[in-house]
Amino acid sequence: MIKLEKDLWRELKGIKSKISWTRLENRSLLGTPDLLGYNNFGKFFTVELKLTLVNKVRFSPHQISFHVKHNLNTFILVACDPDPQLVRLYPGARILELVDLGLKLEPLACGLEPCVGWFESLGA
């Protein structure tokens, strides 16, 4: 069961894939996403991990600013606890819509494995 963002990270890295993951722990550059990924097509991308119990997804102003400024190959992975099957992937470029619409916004992919498959196909 996914209760914390670190649980989502554990589930994500537990999926067998061809992605090289780096967890970013950055307290000096506020808003920096949680993960840096690199796939077999030589594409780097970032992933912000989020967990919600409701339809809304909460972001700090720094996180919003990061995704508005860096709108290419940035993503937001949202787990809707208590159902881990409701993991959804959104492009960072749509963060303002995600703030406004919450989980009503159409995701790029649903389910953790399809989301990982989406990352693997970047640049194909």
Protein backbone atom coordinates (compact mmCIF):
# COMPACT_ATOMS: atom_id res chain seq x y z
CA MET A 1 0.00 0.00 0.00
CA ILE A 2 1.28 3.45 -0.91
CA LYS A 3 1.06 5.75 2.12
CA LEU A 4 4.01 8.08 1.52
CA GLU A 5 5.87 9.41 -1.51
CA LYS A 6 8.82 7.19 -0.56
CA ASP A 7 6.49 4.18 -0.90
CA LEU A 8 5.61 5.31 -4.43
CA TRP A 9 9.35 5.57 -5.14
CA ARG A 10 9.90 2.01 -3.87
CA GLU A 11 7.09 0.68 -6.05
CA LEU A 12 8.42 2.56 -9.08
CA LYS A 13 12.00 1.35 -8.74
CA GLY A 14 10.72 -2.19 -8.11
CA ILE A 15 9.31 -2.39 -11.63
CA LYS A 16 11.75 -4.03 -14.00
CA SER A 17 12.64 -1.52 -16.67
CA LYS A 18 15.47 -0.14 -18.77
CA ILE A 19 15.38 3.20 -16.99
CA SER A 20 18.26 4.42 -14.88
CA TRP A 21 16.75 6.24 -11.89
CA THR A 22 18.42 8.78 -9.60
CA ARG A 23 16.54 10.03 -6.55
CA LEU A 24 17.19 13.72 -6.05
CA GLU A 25 17.33 15.03 -2.51
CA ASN A 26 17.74 18.75 -2.94
CA ARG A 27 17.04 21.10 -0.08
CA SER A 28 18.89 24.03 -1.61
CA LEU A 29 16.99 24.27 -4.91
CA LEU A 30 13.35 24.29 -3.89
CA GLY A 31 10.92 22.85 -6.41
CA THR A 32 13.40 20.41 -7.97
CA PRO A 33 11.55 17.16 -8.86
CA ASP A 34 12.10 13.97 -6.88
CA LEU A 35 13.58 11.80 -9.63
CA LEU A 36 15.88 12.02 -12.60
CA GLY A 37 15.39 9.28 -15.18
CA TYR A 38 17.42 8.23 -18.20
CA ASN A 39 16.14 5.76 -20.79
CA ASN A 40 17.69 3.64 -23.56
CA PHE A 41 16.99 6.34 -26.16
CA GLY A 42 19.32 8.72 -24.32
CA LYS A 43 16.51 10.88 -22.94
CA PHE A 44 16.75 12.49 -19.53
CA PHE A 45 13.52 13.41 -17.76
CA THR A 46 12.37 14.42 -14.31
CA VAL A 47 9.50 13.07 -12.24
CA GLU A 48 7.73 14.74 -9.34
CA LEU A 49 6.10 12.16 -7.05
CA LYS A 50 2.79 13.05 -5.45
CA LEU A 51 0.32 11.25 -3.24
CA THR A 52 -3.26 12.36 -2.68
CA LEU A 53 -6.26 11.11 -0.76
CA VAL A 54 -8.68 13.30 -2.70
CA ASN A 55 -9.20 14.66 -6.20
CA LYS A 56 -6.81 17.61 -5.64
CA VAL A 57 -3.04 17.45 -6.00
CA ARG A 58 -1.06 19.90 -3.85
CA PHE A 59 2.09 21.63 -5.06
CA SER A 60 4.37 24.22 -3.56
CA PRO A 61 4.78 27.47 -5.49
CA HIS A 62 8.39 26.37 -6.20
CA GLN A 63 7.21 23.10 -7.76
CA ILE A 64 4.71 24.93 -9.94
CA SER A 65 7.37 27.40 -11.02
CA PHE A 66 9.80 24.60 -11.91
CA HIS A 67 7.31 22.86 -14.18
CA VAL A 68 6.14 26.07 -15.82
CA LYS A 69 9.74 27.06 -16.56
CA HIS A 70 10.90 23.55 -17.56
CA ASN A 71 8.01 22.20 -19.58
CA LEU A 72 9.78 19.59 -21.70
CA ASN A 73 10.45 16.07 -20.41
CA THR A 74 9.14 16.86 -16.92
CA PHE A 75 6.41 14.71 -15.43
CA ILE A 76 4.22 14.34 -12.38
CA LEU A 77 3.39 10.87 -11.09
CA VAL A 78 0.38 10.87 -8.77
CA ALA A 79 -0.76 7.97 -6.61
CA CYS A 80 -4.31 8.20 -5.33
CA ASP A 81 -4.25 6.32 -2.04
CA PRO A 82 -5.78 3.96 -0.99
CA ASP A 83 -5.88 2.43 -4.50
CA PRO A 84 -2.31 2.11 -5.86
CA GLN A 85 -3.77 1.09 -9.23
CA LEU A 86 -4.80 4.70 -9.62
CA VAL A 87 -1.25 5.90 -10.29
CA ARG A 88 -1.47 8.54 -13.00
CA LEU A 89 1.13 10.26 -15.14
CA TYR A 90 0.85 13.89 -16.19
CA PRO A 91 3.20 16.10 -18.20
CA GLY A 92 4.82 18.84 -16.14
CA ALA A 93 3.75 21.34 -18.82
CA ARG A 94 0.15 20.83 -17.63
CA ILE A 95 0.79 21.50 -13.95
CA LEU A 96 -1.50 24.54 -13.84
CA GLU A 97 -4.36 22.46 -15.26
CA LEU A 98 -3.58 19.72 -12.74
CA VAL A 99 -3.77 22.28 -9.93
CA ASP A 100 -7.15 23.52 -11.22
CA LEU A 101 -8.77 20.23 -12.27
CA GLY A 102 -7.05 17.73 -10.00
CA LEU A 103 -7.42 14.10 -11.02
CA LYS A 104 -10.18 15.02 -13.47
CA LEU A 105 -7.39 16.00 -15.86
CA GLU A 106 -6.82 13.27 -18.45
CA PRO A 107 -3.49 11.51 -17.68
CA LEU A 108 -0.89 10.34 -20.17
CA ALA A 109 -1.06 6.87 -18.60
CA CYS A 110 -2.77 5.06 -15.71
CA GLY A 111 -1.20 2.32 -13.63
CA LEU A 112 2.43 2.12 -12.57
CA GLU A 113 3.61 -0.27 -15.27
CA PRO A 114 2.02 1.70 -18.15
CA CYS A 115 3.61 4.86 -16.71
CA VAL A 116 7.04 3.22 -16.70
CA GLY A 117 6.40 2.07 -20.27
CA TRP A 118 5.69 5.67 -21.20
CA PHE A 119 9.06 6.74 -19.76
CA GLU A 120 10.82 3.93 -21.62
CA SER A 121 9.33 5.06 -24.93
CA LEU A 122 10.42 8.72 -24.66
CA GLY A 123 12.50 9.58 -27.69
CA ALA A 124 11.52 6.48 -29.66
